[in-house]
Amino acid sequence: MMTLTETAADVIKGIVESAEDEVPAETGLRIATESTDDQGAQLSISVVGGPEAGDETVEEHGVVVYLSSKASLLLHDKVLDAHAHEEHVHFTIAEQTG
């Protein structure tokens, strides 16, 4: 299952909290696969009020991330990290270690 760094969780928490005034308990970040080709996968990220049918739920460090079924297959052994740069967020995906 994909894991999150604490930094990624902090960034996601900020994104979710800024998306709505009152955040429902199931609000989280959703990662879906837009397309795949020989060079890799194009992923989309959005703030959602809950999972869609078939989504995998990752709850870690106080945040929720939903993975579409295709994204879940691609990211099952990965670590999601994030870095905020002024008004932009950069997500990175790395291999899990140990």
PDB file of N, CA and C in Angstrom:
ATOM      1  N   MET A   1       0.844  -1.171   0.000  1.00  0.00           N
ATOM      2  CA  MET A   1       0.000   0.000   0.000  1.00  0.00           C
ATOM      3  C   MET A   1       0.895   1.242   0.000  1.00  0.00           C
ATOM      4  N   MET A   2       0.490   2.249  -0.731  1.00  0.00           N
ATOM      5  CA  MET A   2       1.228   3.498  -0.765  1.00  0.00           C
ATOM      6  C   MET A   2       1.291   4.105   0.636  1.00  0.00           C
ATOM      7  N   THR A   3       2.412   4.730   0.946  1.00  0.00           N
ATOM      8  CA  THR A   3       2.551   5.424   2.218  1.00  0.00           C
ATOM      9  C   THR A   3       2.806   6.912   1.960  1.00  0.00           C
ATOM     10  N   LEU A   4       2.657   7.704   3.009  1.00  0.00           N
ATOM     11  CA  LEU A   4       2.854   9.152   2.930  1.00  0.00           C
ATOM     12  C   LEU A   4       3.952   9.573   3.883  1.00  0.00           C
ATOM     13  N   THR A   5       4.748  10.545   3.479  1.00  0.00           N
ATOM     14  CA  THR A   5       5.673  11.145   4.425  1.00  0.00           C
ATOM     15  C   THR A   5       4.886  12.120   5.299  1.00  0.00           C
ATOM     16  N   GLU A   6       5.457  12.479   6.434  1.00  0.00           N
ATOM     17  CA  GLU A   6       4.800  13.463   7.290  1.00  0.00           C
ATOM     18  C   GLU A   6       4.702  14.812   6.583  1.00  0.00           C
ATOM     19  N   THR A   7       5.703  15.131   5.780  1.00  0.00           N
ATOM     20  CA  THR A   7       5.673  16.380   5.024  1.00  0.00           C
ATOM     21  C   THR A   7       4.520  16.377   4.037  1.00  0.00           C
ATOM     22  N   ALA A   8       4.327  15.267   3.335  1.00  0.00           N
ATOM     23  CA  ALA A   8       3.212  15.165   2.390  1.00  0.00           C
ATOM     24  C   ALA A   8       1.882  15.315   3.125  1.00  0.00           C
ATOM     25  N   ALA A   9       1.769  14.688   4.296  1.00  0.00           N
ATOM     26  CA  ALA A   9       0.534  14.792   5.072  1.00  0.00           C
ATOM     27  C   ALA A   9       0.259  16.239   5.474  1.00  0.00           C
ATOM     28  N   ASP A  10       1.293  16.958   5.891  1.00  0.00           N
ATOM     29  CA  ASP A  10       1.112  18.364   6.264  1.00  0.00           C
ATOM     30  C   ASP A  10       0.648  19.198   5.075  1.00  0.00           C
ATOM     31  N   VAL A  11       1.238  18.966   3.903  1.00  0.00           N
ATOM     32  CA  VAL A  11       0.850  19.708   2.698  1.00  0.00           C
ATOM     33  C   VAL A  11      -0.580  19.357   2.306  1.00  0.00           C
ATOM     34  N   ILE A  12      -0.929  18.075   2.337  1.00  0.00           N
ATOM     35  CA  ILE A  12      -2.284  17.640   1.983  1.00  0.00           C
ATOM     36  C   ILE A  12      -3.292  18.242   2.949  1.00  0.00           C
ATOM     37  N   LYS A  13      -2.968  18.254   4.238  1.00  0.00           N
ATOM     38  CA  LYS A  13      -3.866  18.841   5.230  1.00  0.00           C
ATOM     39  C   LYS A  13      -4.131  20.308   4.895  1.00  0.00           C
ATOM     40  N   GLY A  14      -3.096  21.037   4.517  1.00  0.00           N
ATOM     41  CA  GLY A  14      -3.260  22.441   4.141  1.00  0.00           C
ATOM     42  C   GLY A  14      -4.112  22.610   2.901  1.00  0.00           C
ATOM     43  N   ILE A  15      -3.929  21.744   1.910  1.00  0.00           N
ATOM     44  CA  ILE A  15      -4.719  21.810   0.680  1.00  0.00           C
ATOM     45  C   ILE A  15      -6.190  21.552   0.978  1.00  0.00           C
ATOM     46  N   VAL A  16      -6.468  20.506   1.743  1.00  0.00           N
ATOM     47  CA  VAL A  16      -7.844  20.132   2.049  1.00  0.00           C
ATOM     48  C   VAL A  16      -8.520  21.226   2.867  1.00  0.00           C
ATOM     49  N   GLU A  17      -7.820  21.751   3.862  1.00  0.00           N
ATOM     50  CA  GLU A  17      -8.414  22.779   4.712  1.00  0.00           C
ATOM     51  C   GLU A  17      -8.661  24.076   3.946  1.00  0.00           C
ATOM     52  N   SER A  18      -7.846  24.382   2.959  1.00  0.00           N
ATOM     53  CA  SER A  18      -8.046  25.612   2.189  1.00  0.00           C
ATOM     54  C   SER A  18      -9.111  25.450   1.110  1.00  0.00           C
ATOM     55  N   ALA A  19      -9.481  24.202   0.806  1.00  0.00           N
ATOM     56  CA  ALA A  19     -10.454  23.943  -0.257  1.00  0.00           C
ATOM     57  C   ALA A  19     -11.879  24.254   0.185  1.00  0.00           C
ATOM     58  N   GLU A  20     -12.169  24.105   1.468  1.00  0.00           N
ATOM     59  CA  GLU A  20     -13.527  24.308   1.964  1.00  0.00           C
ATOM     60  C   GLU A  20     -13.476  24.938   3.348  1.00  0.00           C
ATOM     61  N   ASP A  21     -14.511  25.710   3.697  1.00  0.00           N
ATOM     62  CA  ASP A  21     -14.570  26.315   5.022  1.00  0.00           C
ATOM     63  C   ASP A  21     -14.741  25.256   6.104  1.00  0.00           C
ATOM     64  N   GLU A  22     -15.711  24.384   5.934  1.00  0.00           N
ATOM     65  CA  GLU A  22     -15.922  23.278   6.859  1.00  0.00           C
ATOM     66  C   GLU A  22     -15.653  21.987   6.115  1.00  0.00           C
ATOM     67  N   VAL A  23     -14.666  21.258   6.589  1.00  0.00           N
ATOM     68  CA  VAL A  23     -14.229  20.058   5.888  1.00  0.00           C
ATOM     69  C   VAL A  23     -14.917  18.833   6.477  1.00  0.00           C
ATOM     70  N   PRO A  24     -15.742  18.131   5.668  1.00  0.00           N
ATOM     71  CA  PRO A  24     -16.349  16.883   6.141  1.00  0.00           C
ATOM     72  C   PRO A  24     -15.261  15.863   6.485  1.00  0.00           C
ATOM     73  N   ALA A  25     -15.573  14.960   7.378  1.00  0.00           N
ATOM     74  CA  ALA A  25     -14.591  13.990   7.859  1.00  0.00           C
ATOM     75  C   ALA A  25     -13.959  13.163   6.737  1.00  0.00           C
ATOM     76  N   GLU A  26     -14.709  12.868   5.685  1.00  0.00           N
ATOM     77  CA  GLU A  26     -14.181  12.021   4.610  1.00  0.00           C
ATOM     78  C   GLU A  26     -13.453  12.791   3.512  1.00  0.00           C
ATOM     79  N   THR A  27     -13.356  14.113   3.635  1.00  0.00           N
ATOM     80  CA  THR A  27     -12.672  14.898   2.605  1.00  0.00           C
ATOM     81  C   THR A  27     -11.203  14.517   2.563  1.00  0.00           C
ATOM     82  N   GLY A  28     -10.705  14.336   1.366  1.00  0.00           N
ATOM     83  CA  GLY A  28      -9.306  13.969   1.195  1.00  0.00           C
ATOM     84  C   GLY A  28      -8.822  14.297  -0.195  1.00  0.00           C
ATOM     85  N   LEU A  29      -7.623  13.875  -0.462  1.00  0.00           N
ATOM     86  CA  LEU A  29      -7.009  14.061  -1.774  1.00  0.00           C
ATOM     87  C   LEU A  29      -7.232  12.787  -2.573  1.00  0.00           C
ATOM     88  N   ARG A  30      -7.606  12.918  -3.838  1.00  0.00           N
ATOM     89  CA  ARG A  30      -7.802  11.736  -4.685  1.00  0.00           C
ATOM     90  C   ARG A  30      -6.786  11.757  -5.813  1.00  0.00           C
ATOM     91  N   ILE A  31      -6.130  10.632  -6.002  1.00  0.00           N
ATOM     92  CA  ILE A  31      -5.171  10.464  -7.094  1.00  0.00           C
ATOM     93  C   ILE A  31      -5.766   9.457  -8.067  1.00  0.00           C
ATOM     94  N   ALA A  32      -5.841   9.865  -9.326  1.00  0.00           N
ATOM     95  CA  ALA A  32      -6.397   8.999 -10.370  1.00  0.00           C
ATOM     96  C   ALA A  32      -5.438   8.958 -11.553  1.00  0.00           C
ATOM     97  N   THR A  33      -5.537   7.912 -12.337  1.00  0.00           N
ATOM     98  CA  THR A  33      -4.726   7.767 -13.541  1.00  0.00           C
ATOM     99  C   THR A  33      -5.486   8.350 -14.719  1.00  0.00           C
ATOM    100  N   GLU A  34      -4.895   9.353 -15.351  1.00  0.00           N
ATOM    101  CA  GLU A  34      -5.512   9.970 -16.533  1.00  0.00           C
ATOM    102  C   GLU A  34      -5.179   9.180 -17.794  1.00  0.00           C
ATOM    103  N   SER A  35      -3.910   8.796 -17.932  1.00  0.00           N
ATOM    104  CA  SER A  35      -3.489   8.019 -19.098  1.00  0.00           C
ATOM    105  C   SER A  35      -2.166   7.339 -18.786  1.00  0.00           C
ATOM    106  N   THR A  36      -1.864   6.298 -19.548  1.00  0.00           N
ATOM    107  CA  THR A  36      -0.578   5.617 -19.422  1.00  0.00           C
ATOM    108  C   THR A  36      -0.022   5.380 -20.815  1.00  0.00           C
ATOM    109  N   ASP A  37       1.304   5.408 -20.912  1.00  0.00           N
ATOM    110  CA  ASP A  37       1.967   5.091 -22.163  1.00  0.00           C
ATOM    111  C   ASP A  37       3.342   4.510 -21.852  1.00  0.00           C
ATOM    112  N   ASP A  38       4.189   4.357 -22.859  1.00  0.00           N
ATOM    113  CA  ASP A  38       5.509   3.764 -22.668  1.00  0.00           C
ATOM    114  C   ASP A  38       6.399   4.572 -21.726  1.00  0.00           C
ATOM    115  N   GLN A  39       6.113   5.852 -21.588  1.00  0.00           N
ATOM    116  CA  GLN A  39       6.945   6.719 -20.757  1.00  0.00           C
ATOM    117  C   GLN A  39       6.434   6.820 -19.318  1.00  0.00           C
ATOM    118  N   GLY A  40       5.269   6.271 -19.020  1.00  0.00           N
ATOM    119  CA  GLY A  40       4.750   6.302 -17.659  1.00  0.00           C
ATOM    120  C   GLY A  40       3.280   6.637 -17.617  1.00  0.00           C
ATOM    121  N   ALA A  41       2.859   7.105 -16.458  1.00  0.00           N
ATOM    122  CA  ALA A  41       1.450   7.412 -16.239  1.00  0.00           C
ATOM    123  C   ALA A  41       1.267   8.894 -15.964  1.00  0.00           C
ATOM    124  N   GLN A  42       0.165   9.430 -16.443  1.00  0.00           N
ATOM    125  CA  GLN A  42      -0.246  10.798 -16.155  1.00  0.00           C
ATOM    126  C   GLN A  42      -1.273  10.717 -15.033  1.00  0.00           C
ATOM    127  N   LEU A  43      -0.965  11.313 -13.879  1.00  0.00           N
ATOM    128  CA  LEU A  43      -1.855  11.248 -12.729  1.00  0.00           C
ATOM    129  C   LEU A  43      -2.540  12.587 -12.515  1.00  0.00           C
ATOM    130  N   SER A  44      -3.756  12.542 -11.988  1.00  0.00           N
ATOM    131  CA  SER A  44      -4.454  13.770 -11.609  1.00  0.00           C
ATOM    132  C   SER A  44      -4.690  13.734 -10.105  1.00  0.00           C
ATOM    133  N   ILE A  45      -4.695  14.928  -9.510  1.00  0.00           N
ATOM    134  CA  ILE A  45      -4.914  15.061  -8.072  1.00  0.00           C
ATOM    135  C   ILE A  45      -6.039  16.054  -7.866  1.00  0.00           C
ATOM    136  N   SER A  46      -6.998  15.696  -7.007  1.00  0.00           N
ATOM    137  CA  SER A  46      -8.109  16.597  -6.716  1.00  0.00           C
ATOM    138  C   SER A  46      -8.552  16.418  -5.268  1.00  0.00           C
ATOM    139  N   VAL A  47      -9.191  17.444  -4.736  1.00  0.00           N
ATOM    140  CA  VAL A  47      -9.784  17.361  -3.405  1.00  0.00           C
ATOM    141  C   VAL A  47     -11.218  16.873  -3.588  1.00  0.00           C
ATOM    142  N   VAL A  48     -11.573  15.816  -2.851  1.00  0.00           N
ATOM    143  CA  VAL A  48     -12.902  15.220  -2.977  1.00  0.00           C
ATOM    144  C   VAL A  48     -13.527  15.040  -1.600  1.00  0.00           C
ATOM    145  N   GLY A  49     -14.850  14.918  -1.582  1.00  0.00           N
ATOM    146  CA  GLY A  49     -15.588  14.747  -0.340  1.00  0.00           C
ATOM    147  C   GLY A  49     -15.622  13.328   0.174  1.00  0.00           C
ATOM    148  N   GLY A  50     -15.122  12.390  -0.600  1.00  0.00           N
ATOM    149  CA  GLY A  50     -15.110  10.988  -0.198  1.00  0.00           C
ATOM    150  C   GLY A  50     -14.654  10.131  -1.357  1.00  0.00           C
ATOM    151  N   PRO A  51     -14.526   8.840  -1.136  1.00  0.00           N
ATOM    152  CA  PRO A  51     -14.036   7.945  -2.189  1.00  0.00           C
ATOM    153  C   PRO A  51     -15.082   7.670  -3.259  1.00  0.00           C
ATOM    154  N   GLU A  52     -14.595   7.338  -4.439  1.00  0.00           N
ATOM    155  CA  GLU A  52     -15.467   6.833  -5.504  1.00  0.00           C
ATOM    156  C   GLU A  52     -15.459   5.315  -5.413  1.00  0.00           C
ATOM    157  N   ALA A  53     -16.415   4.687  -6.064  1.00  0.00           N
ATOM    158  CA  ALA A  53     -16.493   3.227  -6.059  1.00  0.00           C
ATOM    159  C   ALA A  53     -15.181   2.641  -6.574  1.00  0.00           C
ATOM    160  N   GLY A  54     -14.620   1.695  -5.841  1.00  0.00           N
ATOM    161  CA  GLY A  54     -13.389   1.029  -6.243  1.00  0.00           C
ATOM    162  C   GLY A  54     -12.117   1.700  -5.749  1.00  0.00           C
ATOM    163  N   ASP A  55     -12.233   2.865  -5.102  1.00  0.00           N
ATOM    164  CA  ASP A  55     -11.049   3.556  -4.602  1.00  0.00           C
ATOM    165  C   ASP A  55     -10.450   2.821  -3.402  1.00  0.00           C
ATOM    166  N   GLU A  56      -9.124   2.868  -3.310  1.00  0.00           N
ATOM    167  CA  GLU A  56      -8.410   2.411  -2.124  1.00  0.00           C
ATOM    168  C   GLU A  56      -8.215   3.626  -1.223  1.00  0.00           C
ATOM    169  N   THR A  57      -8.382   3.449   0.064  1.00  0.00           N
ATOM    170  CA  THR A  57      -8.229   4.545   1.017  1.00  0.00           C
ATOM    171  C   THR A  57      -6.928   4.378   1.785  1.00  0.00           C
ATOM    172  N   VAL A  58      -6.111   5.432   1.783  1.00  0.00           N
ATOM    173  CA  VAL A  58      -4.877   5.465   2.552  1.00  0.00           C
ATOM    174  C   VAL A  58      -5.054   6.534   3.626  1.00  0.00           C
ATOM    175  N   GLU A  59      -5.017   6.122   4.886  1.00  0.00           N
ATOM    176  CA  GLU A  59      -5.132   7.060   6.008  1.00  0.00           C
ATOM    177  C   GLU A  59      -3.822   7.005   6.782  1.00  0.00           C
ATOM    178  N   GLU A  60      -3.144   8.151   6.824  1.00  0.00           N
ATOM    179  CA  GLU A  60      -1.850   8.189   7.489  1.00  0.00           C
ATOM    180  C   GLU A  60      -1.551   9.615   7.930  1.00  0.00           C
ATOM    181  N   HIS A  61      -0.982   9.764   9.108  1.00  0.00           N
ATOM    182  CA  HIS A  61      -0.585  11.073   9.638  1.00  0.00           C
ATOM    183  C   HIS A  61      -1.751  12.063   9.680  1.00  0.00           C
ATOM    184  N   GLY A  62      -2.966  11.560   9.894  1.00  0.00           N
ATOM    185  CA  GLY A  62      -4.116  12.435  10.048  1.00  0.00           C
ATOM    186  C   GLY A  62      -4.755  12.936   8.764  1.00  0.00           C
ATOM    187  N   VAL A  63      -4.390  12.370   7.618  1.00  0.00           N
ATOM    188  CA  VAL A  63      -5.015  12.757   6.343  1.00  0.00           C
ATOM    189  C   VAL A  63      -5.484  11.512   5.602  1.00  0.00           C
ATOM    190  N   VAL A  64      -6.364  11.752   4.626  1.00  0.00           N
ATOM    191  CA  VAL A  64      -6.902  10.666   3.818  1.00  0.00           C
ATOM    192  C   VAL A  64      -6.553  10.918   2.357  1.00  0.00           C
ATOM    193  N   VAL A  65      -6.049   9.876   1.695  1.00  0.00           N
ATOM    194  CA  VAL A  65      -5.786   9.923   0.256  1.00  0.00           C
ATOM    195  C   VAL A  65      -6.547   8.760  -0.362  1.00  0.00           C
ATOM    196  N   TYR A  66      -7.312   9.062  -1.411  1.00  0.00           N
ATOM    197  CA  TYR A  66      -8.039   8.041  -2.145  1.00  0.00           C
ATOM    198  C   TYR A  66      -7.299   7.767  -3.446  1.00  0.00           C
ATOM    199  N   LEU A  67      -7.125   6.499  -3.760  1.00  0.00           N
ATOM    200  CA  LEU A  67      -6.467   6.099  -5.002  1.00  0.00           C
ATOM    201  C   LEU A  67      -7.463   5.366  -5.885  1.00  0.00           C
ATOM    202  N   SER A  68      -7.596   5.830  -7.135  1.00  0.00           N
ATOM    203  CA  SER A  68      -8.437   5.087  -8.067  1.00  0.00           C
ATOM    204  C   SER A  68      -7.848   3.686  -8.211  1.00  0.00           C
ATOM    205  N   SER A  69      -8.622   2.758  -8.725  1.00  0.00           N
ATOM    206  CA  SER A  69      -8.128   1.376  -8.819  1.00  0.00           C
ATOM    207  C   SER A  69      -6.860   1.284  -9.671  1.00  0.00           C
ATOM    208  N   LYS A  70      -6.797   2.031 -10.772  1.00  0.00           N
ATOM    209  CA  LYS A  70      -5.589   2.014 -11.610  1.00  0.00           C
ATOM    210  C   LYS A  70      -4.412   2.671 -10.905  1.00  0.00           C
ATOM    211  N   ALA A  71      -4.651   3.799 -10.238  1.00  0.00           N
ATOM    212  CA  ALA A  71      -3.579   4.481  -9.506  1.00  0.00           C
ATOM    213  C   ALA A  71      -3.076   3.602  -8.361  1.00  0.00           C
ATOM    214  N   SER A  72      -3.983   2.886  -7.720  1.00  0.00           N
ATOM    215  CA  SER A  72      -3.603   1.999  -6.631  1.00  0.00           C
ATOM    216  C   SER A  72      -2.634   0.925  -7.111  1.00  0.00           C
ATOM    217  N   LEU A  73      -2.886   0.371  -8.280  1.00  0.00           N
ATOM    218  CA  LEU A  73      -1.988  -0.645  -8.842  1.00  0.00           C
ATOM    219  C   LEU A  73      -0.604  -0.064  -9.125  1.00  0.00           C
ATOM    220  N   LEU A  74      -0.563   1.162  -9.635  1.00  0.00           N
ATOM    221  CA  LEU A  74       0.717   1.800  -9.961  1.00  0.00           C
ATOM    222  C   LEU A  74       1.495   2.232  -8.721  1.00  0.00           C
ATOM    223  N   LEU A  75       0.778   2.623  -7.675  1.00  0.00           N
ATOM    224  CA  LEU A  75       1.417   3.261  -6.522  1.00  0.00           C
ATOM    225  C   LEU A  75       1.483   2.385  -5.277  1.00  0.00           C
ATOM    226  N   HIS A  76       1.101   1.114  -5.387  1.00  0.00           N
ATOM    227  CA  HIS A  76       0.990   0.258  -4.203  1.00  0.00           C
ATOM    228  C   HIS A  76       2.285   0.140  -3.404  1.00  0.00           C
ATOM    229  N   ASP A  77       3.438   0.255  -4.044  1.00  0.00           N
ATOM    230  CA  ASP A  77       4.720   0.098  -3.354  1.00  0.00           C
ATOM    231  C   ASP A  77       5.522   1.404  -3.329  1.00  0.00           C
ATOM    232  N   LYS A  78       4.814   2.534  -3.353  1.00  0.00           N
ATOM    233  CA  LYS A  78       5.466   3.844  -3.449  1.00  0.00           C
ATOM    234  C   LYS A  78       5.233   4.681  -2.193  1.00  0.00           C
ATOM    235  N   VAL A  79       6.029   5.746  -2.093  1.00  0.00           N
ATOM    236  CA  VAL A  79       5.913   6.732  -1.017  1.00  0.00           C
ATOM    237  C   VAL A  79       5.604   8.071  -1.662  1.00  0.00           C
ATOM    238  N   LEU A  80       4.562   8.745  -1.160  1.00  0.00           N
ATOM    239  CA  LEU A  80       4.200  10.063  -1.659  1.00  0.00           C
ATOM    240  C   LEU A  80       4.819  11.117  -0.745  1.00  0.00           C
ATOM    241  N   ASP A  81       5.561  12.032  -1.338  1.00  0.00           N
ATOM    242  CA  ASP A  81       6.155  13.140  -0.608  1.00  0.00           C
ATOM    243  C   ASP A  81       5.686  14.425  -1.271  1.00  0.00           C
ATOM    244  N   ALA A  82       5.810  15.537  -0.578  1.00  0.00           N
ATOM    245  CA  ALA A  82       5.381  16.822  -1.137  1.00  0.00           C
ATOM    246  C   ALA A  82       6.219  17.939  -0.542  1.00  0.00           C
ATOM    247  N   HIS A  83       6.359  18.992  -1.319  1.00  0.00           N
ATOM    248  CA  HIS A  83       7.067  20.183  -0.877  1.00  0.00           C
ATOM    249  C   HIS A  83       6.298  21.395  -1.366  1.00  0.00           C
ATOM    250  N   ALA A  84       6.015  22.299  -0.460  1.00  0.00           N
ATOM    251  CA  ALA A  84       5.328  23.538  -0.826  1.00  0.00           C
ATOM    252  C   ALA A  84       6.380  24.587  -1.166  1.00  0.00           C
ATOM    253  N   HIS A  85       6.195  25.239  -2.309  1.00  0.00           N
ATOM    254  CA  HIS A  85       7.075  26.311  -2.764  1.00  0.00           C
ATOM    255  C   HIS A  85       6.198  27.519  -3.052  1.00  0.00           C
ATOM    256  N   GLU A  86       6.157  28.446  -2.104  1.00  0.00           N
ATOM    257  CA  GLU A  86       5.303  29.628  -2.213  1.00  0.00           C
ATOM    258  C   GLU A  86       3.863  29.184  -2.437  1.00  0.00           C
ATOM    259  N   GLU A  87       3.282  29.468  -3.595  1.00  0.00           N
ATOM    260  CA  GLU A  87       1.887  29.090  -3.852  1.00  0.00           C
ATOM    261  C   GLU A  87       1.755  27.769  -4.608  1.00  0.00           C
ATOM    262  N   HIS A  88       2.854  27.080  -4.850  1.00  0.00           N
ATOM    263  CA  HIS A  88       2.835  25.836  -5.611  1.00  0.00           C
ATOM    264  C   HIS A  88       3.203  24.660  -4.708  1.00  0.00           C
ATOM    265  N   VAL A  89       2.680  23.511  -5.056  1.00  0.00           N
ATOM    266  CA  VAL A  89       3.011  22.274  -4.367  1.00  0.00           C
ATOM    267  C   VAL A  89       3.601  21.313  -5.380  1.00  0.00           C
ATOM    268  N   HIS A  90       4.687  20.674  -4.992  1.00  0.00           N
ATOM    269  CA  HIS A  90       5.319  19.664  -5.842  1.00  0.00           C
ATOM    270  C   HIS A  90       5.231  18.323  -5.124  1.00  0.00           C
ATOM    271  N   PHE A  91       4.547  17.376  -5.758  1.00  0.00           N
ATOM    272  CA  PHE A  91       4.467  16.023  -5.218  1.00  0.00           C
ATOM    273  C   PHE A  91       5.515  15.167  -5.907  1.00  0.00           C
ATOM    274  N   THR A  92       6.131  14.288  -5.134  1.00  0.00           N
ATOM    275  CA  THR A  92       7.071  13.330  -5.698  1.00  0.00           C
ATOM    276  C   THR A  92       6.672  11.935  -5.244  1.00  0.00           C
ATOM    277  N   ILE A  93       6.957  10.975  -6.084  1.00  0.00           N
ATOM    278  CA  ILE A  93       6.649   9.585  -5.801  1.00  0.00           C
ATOM    279  C   ILE A  93       7.963   8.815  -5.864  1.00  0.00           C
ATOM    280  N   ALA A  94       8.264   8.075  -4.806  1.00  0.00           N
ATOM    281  CA  ALA A  94       9.519   7.332  -4.738  1.00  0.00           C
ATOM    282  C   ALA A  94       9.234   5.888  -4.333  1.00  0.00           C
ATOM    283  N   GLU A  95      10.235   5.053  -4.507  1.00  0.00           N
ATOM    284  CA  GLU A  95      10.128   3.664  -4.089  1.00  0.00           C
ATOM    285  C   GLU A  95      10.187   3.589  -2.569  1.00  0.00           C
ATOM    286  N   GLN A  96       9.448   2.653  -1.980  1.00  0.00           N
ATOM    287  CA  GLN A  96       9.547   2.423  -0.537  1.00  0.00           C
ATOM    288  C   GLN A  96      10.863   1.744  -0.245  1.00  0.00           C
ATOM    289  N   THR A  97      11.472   2.077   0.869  1.00  0.00           N
ATOM    290  CA  THR A  97      12.719   1.432   1.277  1.00  0.00           C
ATOM    291  C   THR A  97      12.484   0.675   2.569  1.00  0.00           C
ATOM    292  N   GLY A  98      13.235  -0.399   2.721  1.00  0.00           N
ATOM    293  CA  GLY A  98      13.190  -1.191   3.955  1.00  0.00           C
ATOM    294  C   GLY A  98      11.893  -1.726   4.234  1.00  0.00           C
TER     295      GLY A  98
END
